[in-house]
């Protein structure tokens, strides 16, 4: 099968997913031999009938965590911090000696994970938003651990928010500024294509929630009414917003820009020192020696006996996943502007079509 035929069947499948109501719009990027190829389908904004294009930016949510991990690992490789340093060496947190940098990265620190859907604010509030105060408030409400450090794998958005604060403590720079300067700019990625602010971006997709879904039923319990917009057909608009903690979920950008980041992890290192890159893919374990399905930044998956690394992201109005296939030397990322979009299932199919 020719490359043109492969591209055509990927495009047809994206169109079919949108037509079937999987998401109002989709953006999908593949990375092979340094080549970044992007496909799009559907709409960035249903009411305005604005098509979703390769230049449309979307919210990455928890896919942000892998880049947060890379920022921490780069500092560790440079000797600024130690992976087994206790977090309270750098931060005013009540968790004790067992909560280390390594355990925060691998979700084995035992830090709680309250539902983060309310950890958002409107663009009009962004300039005056006090992230440090917001984090202190969340830590105060979650001052006890859910498990003893090193004894369980417990996913924690709060843990990665703390890692962002740790980067700030070690560098003296705002987290977003540090990541954009040290990790993204060296790859030629500007804040207009991948970053933490909507301001420089020409177009950001509108996010949507399925009107007739279980999440829509419980929406009043988990999302403030200020973030809910008008209905359009089967979809309910989620208004533009920022995530309170950029380190755990604040990236906004194109899948092509994320593909450039993924491509750098596959090729000769330009951003991460060799030690940091090795740590980023190093499987982790509990204190007992039992393995956990994590590296220091990636989840570990397997399909048809092939191992891959992945990070999923989801929140108000978007769902996403990116993957690295080290044996193939390829990577992929997909984002849909729908809360219930099944990103993992879509990548299973799309990556098979593109292979």
C-alpha atoms as a PDB file:
ATOM      1  CA  UNK A   1       0.000   0.000   0.000  1.00  0.00           C
ATOM      2  CA  UNK A   2       1.352   3.421  -0.952  1.00  0.00           C
ATOM      3  CA  UNK A   3       1.747   6.304   1.479  1.00  0.00           C
ATOM      4  CA  UNK A   4      -0.970   8.202  -0.368  1.00  0.00           C
ATOM      5  CA  UNK A   5      -3.364   5.298   0.120  1.00  0.00           C
ATOM      6  CA  UNK A   6      -2.525   5.133   3.825  1.00  0.00           C
ATOM      7  CA  UNK A   7      -3.111   8.854   4.236  1.00  0.00           C
ATOM      8  CA  UNK A   8      -6.433   8.599   2.412  1.00  0.00           C
ATOM      9  CA  UNK A   9      -7.746   5.844   4.667  1.00  0.00           C
ATOM     10  CA  UNK A  10      -6.644   7.731   7.799  1.00  0.00           C
ATOM     11  CA  UNK A  11      -8.462  10.828   6.572  1.00  0.00           C
ATOM     12  CA  UNK A  12     -11.594   8.844   5.744  1.00  0.00           C
ATOM     13  CA  UNK A  13     -11.610   7.308   9.211  1.00  0.00           C
ATOM     14  CA  UNK A  14     -11.255  10.713  10.893  1.00  0.00           C
ATOM     15  CA  UNK A  15     -14.147  12.038   8.799  1.00  0.00           C
ATOM     16  CA  UNK A  16     -16.225   9.000   9.737  1.00  0.00           C
ATOM     17  CA  UNK A  17     -15.535   9.434  13.460  1.00  0.00           C
ATOM     18  CA  UNK A  18     -16.764  13.037  13.352  1.00  0.00           C
ATOM     19  CA  UNK A  19     -19.787  12.077  11.260  1.00  0.00           C
ATOM     20  CA  UNK A  20     -20.673   9.385  13.811  1.00  0.00           C
ATOM     21  CA  UNK A  21     -20.560  11.902  16.672  1.00  0.00           C
ATOM     22  CA  UNK A  22     -17.304  10.809  18.322  1.00  0.00           C
ATOM     23  CA  UNK A  23     -16.266  14.473  18.544  1.00  0.00           C
ATOM     24  CA  UNK A  24     -17.201  17.740  16.809  1.00  0.00           C
ATOM     25  CA  UNK A  25     -13.623  17.965  15.537  1.00  0.00           C
ATOM     26  CA  UNK A  26     -10.430  15.911  15.520  1.00  0.00           C
ATOM     27  CA  UNK A  27      -6.737  16.583  15.040  1.00  0.00           C
ATOM     28  CA  UNK A  28      -4.342  13.658  14.581  1.00  0.00           C
ATOM     29  CA  UNK A  29      -0.579  13.715  14.024  1.00  0.00           C
ATOM     30  CA  UNK A  30       1.904  10.971  13.207  1.00  0.00           C
ATOM     31  CA  UNK A  31       5.687  11.130  13.517  1.00  0.00           C
ATOM     32  CA  UNK A  32       7.986   8.919  11.421  1.00  0.00           C
ATOM     33  CA  UNK A  33      11.663   9.475  10.590  1.00  0.00           C
ATOM     34  CA  UNK A  34      11.379  13.056  11.728  1.00  0.00           C
ATOM     35  CA  UNK A  35       8.402  13.748   9.456  1.00  0.00           C
ATOM     36  CA  UNK A  36       5.347  15.186  11.197  1.00  0.00           C
ATOM     37  CA  UNK A  37       2.045  14.618   9.363  1.00  0.00           C
ATOM     38  CA  UNK A  38      -1.233  16.103  10.578  1.00  0.00           C
ATOM     39  CA  UNK A  39      -4.820  15.227   9.676  1.00  0.00           C
ATOM     40  CA  UNK A  40      -7.964  17.087  10.721  1.00  0.00           C
ATOM     41  CA  UNK A  41     -11.711  16.650  10.487  1.00  0.00           C
ATOM     42  CA  UNK A  42     -14.875  18.338  11.697  1.00  0.00           C
ATOM     43  CA  UNK A  43     -15.346  21.647  13.453  1.00  0.00           C
ATOM     44  CA  UNK A  44     -13.429  23.766  15.948  1.00  0.00           C
ATOM     45  CA  UNK A  45     -16.638  25.695  16.677  1.00  0.00           C
ATOM     46  CA  UNK A  46     -20.055  24.264  15.863  1.00  0.00           C
ATOM     47  CA  UNK A  47     -22.123  27.439  16.196  1.00  0.00           C
ATOM     48  CA  UNK A  48     -19.787  29.412  13.915  1.00  0.00           C
ATOM     49  CA  UNK A  49     -19.218  26.399  11.628  1.00  0.00           C
ATOM     50  CA  UNK A  50     -15.489  27.047  11.923  1.00  0.00           C
ATOM     51  CA  UNK A  51     -13.503  24.088  10.567  1.00  0.00           C
ATOM     52  CA  UNK A  52     -10.828  22.491  12.696  1.00  0.00           C
ATOM     53  CA  UNK A  53      -7.532  22.923  10.807  1.00  0.00           C
ATOM     54  CA  UNK A  54      -3.910  21.890  11.452  1.00  0.00           C
ATOM     55  CA  UNK A  55      -3.346  25.382  12.903  1.00  0.00           C
ATOM     56  CA  UNK A  56      -6.194  25.121  15.427  1.00  0.00           C
ATOM     57  CA  UNK A  57      -4.961  24.880  19.024  1.00  0.00           C
ATOM     58  CA  UNK A  58      -6.613  22.539  21.520  1.00  0.00           C
ATOM     59  CA  UNK A  59      -6.297  21.857  25.240  1.00  0.00           C
ATOM     60  CA  UNK A  60      -3.935  19.012  26.118  1.00  0.00           C
ATOM     61  CA  UNK A  61      -4.854  18.671  29.816  1.00  0.00           C
ATOM     62  CA  UNK A  62      -2.908  15.805  31.422  1.00  0.00           C
ATOM     63  CA  UNK A  63      -0.688  15.212  28.401  1.00  0.00           C
ATOM     64  CA  UNK A  64       1.047  18.263  29.914  1.00  0.00           C
ATOM     65  CA  UNK A  65       2.422  16.042  32.671  1.00  0.00           C
ATOM     66  CA  UNK A  66       5.009  14.334  30.481  1.00  0.00           C
ATOM     67  CA  UNK A  67       6.552  17.694  29.571  1.00  0.00           C
ATOM     68  CA  UNK A  68       6.422  18.689  33.248  1.00  0.00           C
ATOM     69  CA  UNK A  69       8.319  15.484  34.029  1.00  0.00           C
ATOM     70  CA  UNK A  70      10.891  16.316  31.358  1.00  0.00           C
ATOM     71  CA  UNK A  71      11.429  19.758  32.925  1.00  0.00           C
ATOM     72  CA  UNK A  72      12.051  18.175  36.335  1.00  0.00           C
ATOM     73  CA  UNK A  73      14.366  15.502  34.910  1.00  0.00           C
ATOM     74  CA  UNK A  74      16.407  18.095  33.038  1.00  0.00           C
ATOM     75  CA  UNK A  75      16.981  19.953  36.314  1.00  0.00           C
ATOM     76  CA  UNK A  76      17.959  16.666  37.961  1.00  0.00           C
ATOM     77  CA  UNK A  77      20.420  15.838  35.180  1.00  0.00           C
ATOM     78  CA  UNK A  78      21.954  19.303  35.579  1.00  0.00           C
ATOM     79  CA  UNK A  79      22.395  18.734  39.322  1.00  0.00           C
ATOM     80  CA  UNK A  80      19.876  21.357  40.422  1.00  0.00           C
ATOM     81  CA  UNK A  81      17.840  18.775  42.360  1.00  0.00           C
ATOM     82  CA  UNK A  82      17.958  15.110  43.230  1.00  0.00           C
ATOM     83  CA  UNK A  83      15.315  12.589  42.207  1.00  0.00           C
ATOM     84  CA  UNK A  84      15.308  11.084  45.676  1.00  0.00           C
ATOM     85  CA  UNK A  85      15.256  14.419  47.468  1.00  0.00           C
ATOM     86  CA  UNK A  86      12.257  14.870  49.724  1.00  0.00           C
ATOM     87  CA  UNK A  87       9.743  17.351  48.311  1.00  0.00           C
ATOM     88  CA  UNK A  88       9.649  19.427  51.476  1.00  0.00           C
ATOM     89  CA  UNK A  89      13.295  20.331  50.877  1.00  0.00           C
ATOM     90  CA  UNK A  90      11.940  22.711  48.230  1.00  0.00           C
ATOM     91  CA  UNK A  91       8.275  23.181  49.122  1.00  0.00           C
ATOM     92  CA  UNK A  92       6.206  23.983  52.194  1.00  0.00           C
ATOM     93  CA  UNK A  93       4.146  20.784  52.216  1.00  0.00           C
ATOM     94  CA  UNK A  94       2.949  18.646  55.150  1.00  0.00           C
ATOM     95  CA  UNK A  95       3.759  15.233  53.710  1.00  0.00           C
ATOM     96  CA  UNK A  96       7.032  14.143  55.330  1.00  0.00           C
ATOM     97  CA  UNK A  97      10.237  12.490  54.197  1.00  0.00           C
ATOM     98  CA  UNK A  98       8.720   9.714  52.087  1.00  0.00           C
ATOM     99  CA  UNK A  99       7.258  12.063  49.476  1.00  0.00           C
ATOM    100  CA  UNK A 100      10.192  12.436  47.110  1.00  0.00           C
ATOM    101  CA  UNK A 101      10.616  13.935  43.668  1.00  0.00           C
ATOM    102  CA  UNK A 102      10.835  10.464  42.126  1.00  0.00           C
ATOM    103  CA  UNK A 103       7.632   9.305  43.803  1.00  0.00           C
ATOM    104  CA  UNK A 104       5.741  12.415  42.714  1.00  0.00           C
ATOM    105  CA  UNK A 105       6.858  11.772  39.127  1.00  0.00           C
ATOM    106  CA  UNK A 106       5.795   8.116  39.230  1.00  0.00           C
ATOM    107  CA  UNK A 107       2.500   8.653  41.128  1.00  0.00           C
ATOM    108  CA  UNK A 108       3.727   6.540  44.036  1.00  0.00           C
ATOM    109  CA  UNK A 109       3.984   9.315  46.650  1.00  0.00           C
ATOM    110  CA  UNK A 110       0.525   8.651  48.096  1.00  0.00           C
ATOM    111  CA  UNK A 111      -0.649  12.242  47.466  1.00  0.00           C
ATOM    112  CA  UNK A 112      -4.423  12.520  47.138  1.00  0.00           C
ATOM    113  CA  UNK A 113      -6.197  13.166  43.830  1.00  0.00           C
ATOM    114  CA  UNK A 114      -9.347  15.233  44.366  1.00  0.00           C
ATOM    115  CA  UNK A 115     -11.468  15.761  41.242  1.00  0.00           C
ATOM    116  CA  UNK A 116      -9.716  18.605  39.393  1.00  0.00           C
ATOM    117  CA  UNK A 117     -12.593  19.771  37.148  1.00  0.00           C
ATOM    118  CA  UNK A 118     -13.169  22.759  39.442  1.00  0.00           C
ATOM    119  CA  UNK A 119      -9.486  23.739  39.308  1.00  0.00           C
ATOM    120  CA  UNK A 120     -10.135  26.107  36.406  1.00  0.00           C
ATOM    121  CA  UNK A 121     -10.660  29.839  35.921  1.00  0.00           C
ATOM    122  CA  UNK A 122     -11.978  32.102  33.173  1.00  0.00           C
ATOM    123  CA  UNK A 123      -9.686  34.047  30.813  1.00  0.00           C
ATOM    124  CA  UNK A 124     -10.935  37.328  32.314  1.00  0.00           C
ATOM    125  CA  UNK A 125      -9.564  36.165  35.693  1.00  0.00           C
ATOM    126  CA  UNK A 126      -6.227  34.940  34.400  1.00  0.00           C
ATOM    127  CA  UNK A 127      -4.099  38.086  34.758  1.00  0.00           C
ATOM    128  CA  UNK A 128      -4.995  38.409  38.449  1.00  0.00           C
ATOM    129  CA  UNK A 129      -5.114  34.679  39.224  1.00  0.00           C
ATOM    130  CA  UNK A 130      -2.866  33.702  42.153  1.00  0.00           C
ATOM    131  CA  UNK A 131      -1.702  30.169  41.401  1.00  0.00           C
ATOM    132  CA  UNK A 132       0.411  29.869  44.546  1.00  0.00           C
ATOM    133  CA  UNK A 133      -2.551  30.761  46.744  1.00  0.00           C
ATOM    134  CA  UNK A 134      -4.742  28.280  44.878  1.00  0.00           C
ATOM    135  CA  UNK A 135      -2.181  25.511  45.367  1.00  0.00           C
ATOM    136  CA  UNK A 136      -1.779  26.302  49.065  1.00  0.00           C
ATOM    137  CA  UNK A 137      -5.540  26.054  49.472  1.00  0.00           C
ATOM    138  CA  UNK A 138      -5.714  22.664  47.727  1.00  0.00           C
ATOM    139  CA  UNK A 139      -2.790  21.303  49.759  1.00  0.00           C
ATOM    140  CA  UNK A 140      -4.415  22.491  52.989  1.00  0.00           C
ATOM    141  CA  UNK A 141      -7.610  20.622  52.092  1.00  0.00           C
ATOM    142  CA  UNK A 142      -5.582  17.503  51.250  1.00  0.00           C
ATOM    143  CA  UNK A 143      -2.930  17.624  53.937  1.00  0.00           C
ATOM    144  CA  UNK A 144      -2.970  13.895  54.691  1.00  0.00           C
ATOM    145  CA  UNK A 145      -1.738  11.196  52.352  1.00  0.00           C
ATOM    146  CA  UNK A 146      -4.018   8.584  50.810  1.00  0.00           C
ATOM    147  CA  UNK A 147      -1.346   5.897  51.235  1.00  0.00           C
ATOM    148  CA  UNK A 148       2.106   5.554  52.722  1.00  0.00           C
ATOM    149  CA  UNK A 149       4.710   6.753  50.199  1.00  0.00           C
ATOM    150  CA  UNK A 150       6.046   4.004  47.979  1.00  0.00           C
ATOM    151  CA  UNK A 151       3.331   1.473  48.832  1.00  0.00           C
ATOM    152  CA  UNK A 152       0.753   2.095  46.063  1.00  0.00           C
ATOM    153  CA  UNK A 153       0.403   3.515  42.584  1.00  0.00           C
ATOM    154  CA  UNK A 154      -2.070   6.401  42.989  1.00  0.00           C
ATOM    155  CA  UNK A 155      -2.494   8.856  40.133  1.00  0.00           C
ATOM    156  CA  UNK A 156      -2.368  12.433  41.419  1.00  0.00           C
ATOM    157  CA  UNK A 157      -2.946  15.719  39.605  1.00  0.00           C
ATOM    158  CA  UNK A 158      -2.014  17.455  42.847  1.00  0.00           C
ATOM    159  CA  UNK A 159       1.339  15.653  42.841  1.00  0.00           C
ATOM    160  CA  UNK A 160       2.202  17.108  39.449  1.00  0.00           C
ATOM    161  CA  UNK A 161       0.989  20.546  40.471  1.00  0.00           C
ATOM    162  CA  UNK A 162       3.549  20.317  43.267  1.00  0.00           C
ATOM    163  CA  UNK A 163       6.229  19.406  40.722  1.00  0.00           C
ATOM    164  CA  UNK A 164       5.462  22.637  38.890  1.00  0.00           C
ATOM    165  CA  UNK A 165       5.965  24.554  42.125  1.00  0.00           C
ATOM    166  CA  UNK A 166       9.222  22.661  42.637  1.00  0.00           C
ATOM    167  CA  UNK A 167      10.472  23.802  39.205  1.00  0.00           C
ATOM    168  CA  UNK A 168       9.682  27.390  40.180  1.00  0.00           C
ATOM    169  CA  UNK A 169      11.472  27.004  43.524  1.00  0.00           C
ATOM    170  CA  UNK A 170      14.591  25.632  41.835  1.00  0.00           C
ATOM    171  CA  UNK A 171      14.768  28.059  38.907  1.00  0.00           C
ATOM    172  CA  UNK A 172      13.282  31.271  40.289  1.00  0.00           C
ATOM    173  CA  UNK A 173      11.130  31.524  37.150  1.00  0.00           C
ATOM    174  CA  UNK A 174       7.410  30.944  36.600  1.00  0.00           C
ATOM    175  CA  UNK A 175       6.842  27.348  35.558  1.00  0.00           C
ATOM    176  CA  UNK A 176       5.302  28.169  32.178  1.00  0.00           C
ATOM    177  CA  UNK A 177       8.086  30.594  31.299  1.00  0.00           C
ATOM    178  CA  UNK A 178      10.736  28.023  32.218  1.00  0.00           C
ATOM    179  CA  UNK A 179       9.206  25.227  30.117  1.00  0.00           C
ATOM    180  CA  UNK A 180       8.643  27.447  27.100  1.00  0.00           C
ATOM    181  CA  UNK A 181      12.207  28.743  27.299  1.00  0.00           C
ATOM    182  CA  UNK A 182      14.091  25.537  28.125  1.00  0.00           C
ATOM    183  CA  UNK A 183      12.098  22.769  26.421  1.00  0.00           C
ATOM    184  CA  UNK A 184       9.890  24.222  23.682  1.00  0.00           C
ATOM    185  CA  UNK A 185      11.802  27.158  22.183  1.00  0.00           C
ATOM    186  CA  UNK A 186      14.895  25.017  21.383  1.00  0.00           C
ATOM    187  CA  UNK A 187      12.613  22.922  19.136  1.00  0.00           C
ATOM    188  CA  UNK A 188      11.372  26.009  17.320  1.00  0.00           C
ATOM    189  CA  UNK A 189       8.002  25.843  19.091  1.00  0.00           C
ATOM    190  CA  UNK A 190       6.556  29.254  19.871  1.00  0.00           C
ATOM    191  CA  UNK A 191       3.837  30.007  22.448  1.00  0.00           C
ATOM    192  CA  UNK A 192       1.512  30.515  19.477  1.00  0.00           C
ATOM    193  CA  UNK A 193       1.658  26.782  18.678  1.00  0.00           C
ATOM    194  CA  UNK A 194       2.350  25.187  22.081  1.00  0.00           C
ATOM    195  CA  UNK A 195       2.349  26.876  25.449  1.00  0.00           C
ATOM    196  CA  UNK A 196       0.306  27.816  28.467  1.00  0.00           C
ATOM    197  CA  UNK A 197      -1.458  31.003  27.359  1.00  0.00           C
ATOM    198  CA  UNK A 198      -4.353  31.387  24.952  1.00  0.00           C
ATOM    199  CA  UNK A 199      -3.356  34.996  24.227  1.00  0.00           C
ATOM    200  CA  UNK A 200      -0.806  34.457  21.406  1.00  0.00           C
ATOM    201  CA  UNK A 201      -2.809  31.724  19.685  1.00  0.00           C
ATOM    202  CA  UNK A 202      -4.660  32.652  16.513  1.00  0.00           C
ATOM    203  CA  UNK A 203      -7.454  30.138  17.055  1.00  0.00           C
ATOM    204  CA  UNK A 204      -8.331  27.789  19.916  1.00  0.00           C
ATOM    205  CA  UNK A 205     -11.050  25.187  19.461  1.00  0.00           C
ATOM    206  CA  UNK A 206     -14.207  25.319  21.538  1.00  0.00           C
ATOM    207  CA  UNK A 207     -14.627  22.339  23.846  1.00  0.00           C
ATOM    208  CA  UNK A 208     -17.876  20.396  24.123  1.00  0.00           C
ATOM    209  CA  UNK A 209     -19.673  18.038  26.464  1.00  0.00           C
ATOM    210  CA  UNK A 210     -22.164  15.447  25.255  1.00  0.00           C
ATOM    211  CA  UNK A 211     -25.570  16.776  26.344  1.00  0.00           C
ATOM    212  CA  UNK A 212     -27.026  13.336  27.027  1.00  0.00           C
ATOM    213  CA  UNK A 213     -24.252  11.641  28.982  1.00  0.00           C
ATOM    214  CA  UNK A 214     -23.612  10.622  32.573  1.00  0.00           C
ATOM    215  CA  UNK A 215     -21.091  13.449  32.950  1.00  0.00           C
ATOM    216  CA  UNK A 216     -23.698  15.938  31.804  1.00  0.00           C
ATOM    217  CA  UNK A 217     -26.039  14.612  34.491  1.00  0.00           C
ATOM    218  CA  UNK A 218     -23.504  15.180  37.274  1.00  0.00           C
ATOM    219  CA  UNK A 219     -22.120  18.377  35.715  1.00  0.00           C
ATOM    220  CA  UNK A 220     -23.608  20.712  38.394  1.00  0.00           C
ATOM    221  CA  UNK A 221     -21.643  18.795  41.031  1.00  0.00           C
ATOM    222  CA  UNK A 222     -18.231  19.037  39.354  1.00  0.00           C
ATOM    223  CA  UNK A 223     -18.248  22.135  37.126  1.00  0.00           C
ATOM    224  CA  UNK A 224     -19.358  25.680  37.923  1.00  0.00           C
ATOM    225  CA  UNK A 225     -22.186  27.028  35.749  1.00  0.00           C
ATOM    226  CA  UNK A 226     -19.953  29.932  34.652  1.00  0.00           C
ATOM    227  CA  UNK A 227     -18.047  27.508  32.425  1.00  0.00           C
ATOM    228  CA  UNK A 228     -21.108  26.099  30.662  1.00  0.00           C
ATOM    229  CA  UNK A 229     -22.260  27.734  27.434  1.00  0.00           C
ATOM    230  CA  UNK A 230     -25.049  27.182  24.962  1.00  0.00           C
ATOM    231  CA  UNK A 231     -26.206  23.888  23.457  1.00  0.00           C
ATOM    232  CA  UNK A 232     -25.694  23.071  19.786  1.00  0.00           C
ATOM    233  CA  UNK A 233     -27.477  19.915  18.723  1.00  0.00           C
ATOM    234  CA  UNK A 234     -26.160  16.998  20.761  1.00  0.00           C
ATOM    235  CA  UNK A 235     -23.375  19.115  22.269  1.00  0.00           C
ATOM    236  CA  UNK A 236     -23.070  21.536  25.159  1.00  0.00           C
ATOM    237  CA  UNK A 237     -20.379  24.200  24.856  1.00  0.00           C
ATOM    238  CA  UNK A 238     -17.722  24.432  27.562  1.00  0.00           C
ATOM    239  CA  UNK A 239     -16.525  28.011  27.753  1.00  0.00           C
ATOM    240  CA  UNK A 240     -12.879  28.969  27.324  1.00  0.00           C
ATOM    241  CA  UNK A 241     -10.853  28.555  30.502  1.00  0.00           C
ATOM    242  CA  UNK A 242      -7.430  28.048  32.029  1.00  0.00           C
ATOM    243  CA  UNK A 243      -6.373  25.166  34.266  1.00  0.00           C
ATOM    244  CA  UNK A 244      -5.315  26.470  37.692  1.00  0.00           C
ATOM    245  CA  UNK A 245      -2.079  24.447  37.663  1.00  0.00           C
ATOM    246  CA  UNK A 246      -0.260  24.519  34.301  1.00  0.00           C
ATOM    247  CA  UNK A 247       2.094  21.741  35.396  1.00  0.00           C
ATOM    248  CA  UNK A 248      -0.654  19.142  35.727  1.00  0.00           C
ATOM    249  CA  UNK A 249      -2.765  20.121  32.737  1.00  0.00           C
ATOM    250  CA  UNK A 250      -2.236  23.581  31.281  1.00  0.00           C
ATOM    251  CA  UNK A 251      -0.710  23.030  27.837  1.00  0.00           C
ATOM    252  CA  UNK A 252      -2.608  24.340  24.829  1.00  0.00           C
ATOM    253  CA  UNK A 253      -1.454  23.789  21.266  1.00  0.00           C
ATOM    254  CA  UNK A 254      -1.552  21.802  18.055  1.00  0.00           C
ATOM    255  CA  UNK A 255      -0.931  18.092  17.686  1.00  0.00           C
ATOM    256  CA  UNK A 256       1.777  18.985  15.143  1.00  0.00           C
ATOM    257  CA  UNK A 257       3.655  20.932  17.831  1.00  0.00           C
ATOM    258  CA  UNK A 258       3.276  18.017  20.244  1.00  0.00           C
ATOM    259  CA  UNK A 259       4.482  15.783  17.411  1.00  0.00           C
ATOM    260  CA  UNK A 260       7.632  17.881  17.143  1.00  0.00           C
ATOM    261  CA  UNK A 261       8.209  17.310  20.862  1.00  0.00           C
ATOM    262  CA  UNK A 262       7.641  13.558  20.447  1.00  0.00           C
ATOM    263  CA  UNK A 263       9.930  13.448  17.428  1.00  0.00           C
ATOM    264  CA  UNK A 264      12.751  14.922  19.492  1.00  0.00           C
ATOM    265  CA  UNK A 265      12.404  12.041  21.941  1.00  0.00           C
ATOM    266  CA  UNK A 266      12.791   9.574  19.076  1.00  0.00           C
ATOM    267  CA  UNK A 267      15.802  11.183  17.402  1.00  0.00           C
ATOM    268  CA  UNK A 268      19.139  12.623  18.510  1.00  0.00           C
ATOM    269  CA  UNK A 269      18.651  14.539  21.743  1.00  0.00           C
ATOM    270  CA  UNK A 270      18.341  18.303  21.290  1.00  0.00           C
ATOM    271  CA  UNK A 271      16.527  19.295  24.465  1.00  0.00           C
ATOM    272  CA  UNK A 272      17.043  16.675  27.164  1.00  0.00           C
ATOM    273  CA  UNK A 273      20.457  15.535  28.357  1.00  0.00           C
ATOM    274  CA  UNK A 274      21.006  11.809  27.765  1.00  0.00           C
ATOM    275  CA  UNK A 275      20.605  11.051  31.473  1.00  0.00           C
ATOM    276  CA  UNK A 276      17.267  12.859  31.648  1.00  0.00           C
ATOM    277  CA  UNK A 277      15.986  11.090  28.549  1.00  0.00           C
ATOM    278  CA  UNK A 278      16.950   7.709  30.031  1.00  0.00           C
ATOM    279  CA  UNK A 279      15.105   8.551  33.256  1.00  0.00           C
ATOM    280  CA  UNK A 280      12.026   9.597  31.281  1.00  0.00           C
ATOM    281  CA  UNK A 281      11.698   6.008  30.013  1.00  0.00           C
ATOM    282  CA  UNK A 282      12.900   4.154  33.115  1.00  0.00           C
ATOM    283  CA  UNK A 283      10.259   1.765  34.577  1.00  0.00           C
ATOM    284  CA  UNK A 284       9.508   2.399  38.235  1.00  0.00           C
ATOM    285  CA  UNK A 285       8.641   0.223  41.216  1.00  0.00           C
ATOM    286  CA  UNK A 286       7.146   0.398  44.681  1.00  0.00           C
ATOM    287  CA  UNK A 287       9.311   0.220  47.786  1.00  0.00           C
ATOM    288  CA  UNK A 288       8.533  -3.515  47.851  1.00  0.00           C
ATOM    289  CA  UNK A 289      10.072  -3.951  44.426  1.00  0.00           C
ATOM    290  CA  UNK A 290       6.728  -4.557  42.737  1.00  0.00           C
ATOM    291  CA  UNK A 291       6.643  -2.831  39.328  1.00  0.00           C
ATOM    292  CA  UNK A 292       4.202  -0.039  38.534  1.00  0.00           C
ATOM    293  CA  UNK A 293       2.955   0.759  35.002  1.00  0.00           C
ATOM    294  CA  UNK A 294       4.908   4.029  34.941  1.00  0.00           C
ATOM    295  CA  UNK A 295       8.218   5.542  34.022  1.00  0.00           C
ATOM    296  CA  UNK A 296       9.220   8.953  35.357  1.00  0.00           C
ATOM    297  CA  UNK A 297       6.644  10.657  33.184  1.00  0.00           C
ATOM    298  CA  UNK A 298       5.010   8.071  30.908  1.00  0.00           C
ATOM    299  CA  UNK A 299       2.446   5.354  31.448  1.00  0.00           C
ATOM    300  CA  UNK A 300       3.442   2.006  29.972  1.00  0.00           C
ATOM    301  CA  UNK A 301       1.009   0.228  27.657  1.00  0.00           C
ATOM    302  CA  UNK A 302       0.990  -2.882  25.508  1.00  0.00           C
ATOM    303  CA  UNK A 303      -1.057  -3.891  22.482  1.00  0.00           C
ATOM    304  CA  UNK A 304      -0.564  -6.997  20.376  1.00  0.00           C
ATOM    305  CA  UNK A 305       2.580  -7.711  22.428  1.00  0.00           C
ATOM    306  CA  UNK A 306       4.065  -4.350  21.500  1.00  0.00           C
ATOM    307  CA  UNK A 307       5.107  -2.030  24.313  1.00  0.00           C
ATOM    308  CA  UNK A 308       4.468   1.663  23.983  1.00  0.00           C
ATOM    309  CA  UNK A 309       4.554   4.734  26.202  1.00  0.00           C
ATOM    310  CA  UNK A 310       1.504   6.942  26.466  1.00  0.00           C
ATOM    311  CA  UNK A 311      -0.108   9.876  28.234  1.00  0.00           C
ATOM    312  CA  UNK A 312      -3.815  10.587  28.187  1.00  0.00           C
ATOM    313  CA  UNK A 313      -5.460  13.935  28.825  1.00  0.00           C
ATOM    314  CA  UNK A 314      -9.048  14.845  29.555  1.00  0.00           C
ATOM    315  CA  UNK A 315     -11.117  17.608  31.082  1.00  0.00           C
ATOM    316  CA  UNK A 316     -13.886  20.074  30.316  1.00  0.00           C
ATOM    317  CA  UNK A 317     -14.461  19.831  26.599  1.00  0.00           C
ATOM    318  CA  UNK A 318     -11.427  17.890  25.324  1.00  0.00           C
ATOM    319  CA  UNK A 319      -9.915  14.409  25.398  1.00  0.00           C
ATOM    320  CA  UNK A 320      -6.525  13.363  24.067  1.00  0.00           C
ATOM    321  CA  UNK A 321      -3.734  10.819  24.003  1.00  0.00           C
ATOM    322  CA  UNK A 322      -0.164  10.687  22.742  1.00  0.00           C
ATOM    323  CA  UNK A 323       1.985   7.606  22.260  1.00  0.00           C
ATOM    324  CA  UNK A 324       5.587   6.646  21.547  1.00  0.00           C
ATOM    325  CA  UNK A 325       6.358   3.301  19.889  1.00  0.00           C
ATOM    326  CA  UNK A 326      10.104   2.859  20.471  1.00  0.00           C
ATOM    327  CA  UNK A 327      10.453  -0.363  18.473  1.00  0.00           C
ATOM    328  CA  UNK A 328       8.832   1.254  15.426  1.00  0.00           C
ATOM    329  CA  UNK A 329      10.499   4.606  15.950  1.00  0.00           C
ATOM    330  CA  UNK A 330       7.125   6.300  15.564  1.00  0.00           C
ATOM    331  CA  UNK A 331       4.801   8.464  17.630  1.00  0.00           C
ATOM    332  CA  UNK A 332       1.263   9.768  17.418  1.00  0.00           C
ATOM    333  CA  UNK A 333      -1.134  12.147  19.125  1.00  0.00           C
ATOM    334  CA  UNK A 334      -4.861  12.757  18.796  1.00  0.00           C
ATOM    335  CA  UNK A 335      -7.100  15.403  20.372  1.00  0.00           C
ATOM    336  CA  UNK A 336     -10.864  15.701  20.080  1.00  0.00           C
ATOM    337  CA  UNK A 337     -12.841  18.704  21.311  1.00  0.00           C
ATOM    338  CA  UNK A 338     -15.278  16.519  23.239  1.00  0.00           C
ATOM    339  CA  UNK A 339     -15.066  15.433  26.871  1.00  0.00           C
ATOM    340  CA  UNK A 340     -16.189  11.893  26.072  1.00  0.00           C
ATOM    341  CA  UNK A 341     -14.014  11.321  22.997  1.00  0.00           C
ATOM    342  CA  UNK A 342     -12.376   7.896  23.319  1.00  0.00           C
ATOM    343  CA  UNK A 343      -8.841   8.889  22.450  1.00  0.00           C
ATOM    344  CA  UNK A 344      -7.202   5.552  23.244  1.00  0.00           C
ATOM    345  CA  UNK A 345      -9.613   3.574  21.116  1.00  0.00           C
ATOM    346  CA  UNK A 346      -9.147   6.072  18.279  1.00  0.00           C
ATOM    347  CA  UNK A 347      -5.346   5.766  18.419  1.00  0.00           C
ATOM    348  CA  UNK A 348      -5.557   1.973  18.359  1.00  0.00           C
ATOM    349  CA  UNK A 349      -7.370   2.239  15.051  1.00  0.00           C
ATOM    350  CA  UNK A 350      -5.699   5.276  13.500  1.00  0.00           C
ATOM    351  CA  UNK A 351      -2.157   4.147  14.296  1.00  0.00           C
ATOM    352  CA  UNK A 352      -2.949   0.804  12.704  1.00  0.00           C
ATOM    353  CA  UNK A 353      -4.186   2.526   9.559  1.00  0.00           C
ATOM    354  CA  UNK A 354      -1.174   4.832   9.406  1.00  0.00           C
ATOM    355  CA  UNK A 355       1.415   2.087  10.010  1.00  0.00           C
END
